[in-house]
Each structure stands twice: as C-alpha cells, then as structure tokens.
Amino acid sequence: MKENKGYRAVSVMPALKEGHPVADVTLVKGTEWKTVSEKLD
C-alpha cells in the first residue's frame, strides 16, 4: 500500500509465479482499478 497511496485493497488472491508464492492484490482509487503482485517468500 505504501507504493500505491490513495488506493484501497479490495481483493487478494494467492498465486504462483515462476514457482514462487505471490499475492495478487486488486486496488481501487475512485474509478481507477489495478492489480499488483506482492512476493510472499
């Protein structure tokens, strides 16, 4: 959230990318939506 000021997390889904666990986080700010991946290991 620090890198995406003003955005609010509305969904988190676990995933694997290149064999590593990540969390795909959907963020919203007004009518703007985006998804970011956060490493979990």
C-alpha atoms as a PDB file:
ATOM      1  CA  MET A   1       0.000   0.000   0.000  1.00  0.00           C
ATOM      2  CA  LYS A   2       2.940   2.333   0.588  1.00  0.00           C
ATOM      3  CA  GLU A   3       3.785   2.373  -3.129  1.00  0.00           C
ATOM      4  CA  ASN A   4       0.139   2.959  -4.073  1.00  0.00           C
ATOM      5  CA  LYS A   5      -1.005   5.875  -1.936  1.00  0.00           C
ATOM      6  CA  GLY A   6      -4.703   6.640  -2.146  1.00  0.00           C
ATOM      7  CA  TYR A   7      -5.578   3.123  -3.317  1.00  0.00           C
ATOM      8  CA  ARG A   8      -7.631   0.670  -1.291  1.00  0.00           C
ATOM      9  CA  ALA A   9      -7.142  -3.111  -1.430  1.00  0.00           C
ATOM     10  CA  VAL A  10     -10.400  -4.807  -2.440  1.00  0.00           C
ATOM     11  CA  SER A  11      -9.226  -8.331  -3.272  1.00  0.00           C
ATOM     12  CA  VAL A  12      -6.260 -10.618  -2.594  1.00  0.00           C
ATOM     13  CA  MET A  13      -5.719 -13.901  -4.435  1.00  0.00           C
ATOM     14  CA  PRO A  14      -2.846 -16.345  -3.850  1.00  0.00           C
ATOM     15  CA  ALA A  15      -0.848 -17.370  -6.916  1.00  0.00           C
ATOM     16  CA  LEU A  16       2.410 -18.949  -8.057  1.00  0.00           C
ATOM     17  CA  LYS A  17       4.746 -17.081 -10.382  1.00  0.00           C
ATOM     18  CA  GLU A  18       7.884 -18.827 -11.575  1.00  0.00           C
ATOM     19  CA  GLY A  19       7.480 -21.327  -8.728  1.00  0.00           C
ATOM     20  CA  HIS A  20       7.281 -18.647  -6.009  1.00  0.00           C
ATOM     21  CA  PRO A  21       4.210 -17.747  -3.940  1.00  0.00           C
ATOM     22  CA  VAL A  22       2.741 -14.291  -4.545  1.00  0.00           C
ATOM     23  CA  ALA A  23      -0.393 -12.407  -3.609  1.00  0.00           C
ATOM     24  CA  ASP A  24      -2.193 -10.696  -6.485  1.00  0.00           C
ATOM     25  CA  VAL A  25      -3.780  -7.618  -4.891  1.00  0.00           C
ATOM     26  CA  THR A  26      -6.549  -5.687  -6.645  1.00  0.00           C
ATOM     27  CA  LEU A  27      -6.502  -1.985  -5.763  1.00  0.00           C
ATOM     28  CA  VAL A  28      -9.101   0.716  -6.374  1.00  0.00           C
ATOM     29  CA  LYS A  29      -8.971   4.514  -6.238  1.00  0.00           C
ATOM     30  CA  GLY A  30     -12.203   6.179  -7.313  1.00  0.00           C
ATOM     31  CA  THR A  31     -12.969   4.617 -10.696  1.00  0.00           C
ATOM     32  CA  GLU A  32      -9.343   3.509 -11.267  1.00  0.00           C
ATOM     33  CA  TRP A  33      -8.512  -0.206 -10.759  1.00  0.00           C
ATOM     34  CA  LYS A  34      -5.176  -2.035 -10.916  1.00  0.00           C
ATOM     35  CA  THR A  35      -3.650  -5.322  -9.811  1.00  0.00           C
ATOM     36  CA  VAL A  36      -0.195  -5.661  -8.271  1.00  0.00           C
ATOM     37  CA  SER A  37       1.754  -8.757  -7.207  1.00  0.00           C
ATOM     38  CA  GLU A  38       3.500  -8.979  -3.852  1.00  0.00           C
ATOM     39  CA  LYS A  39       6.120 -11.671  -3.170  1.00  0.00           C
ATOM     40  CA  LEU A  40       5.382 -13.895  -0.187  1.00  0.00           C
ATOM     41  CA  ASP A  41       8.784 -15.543   0.246  1.00  0.00           C
END
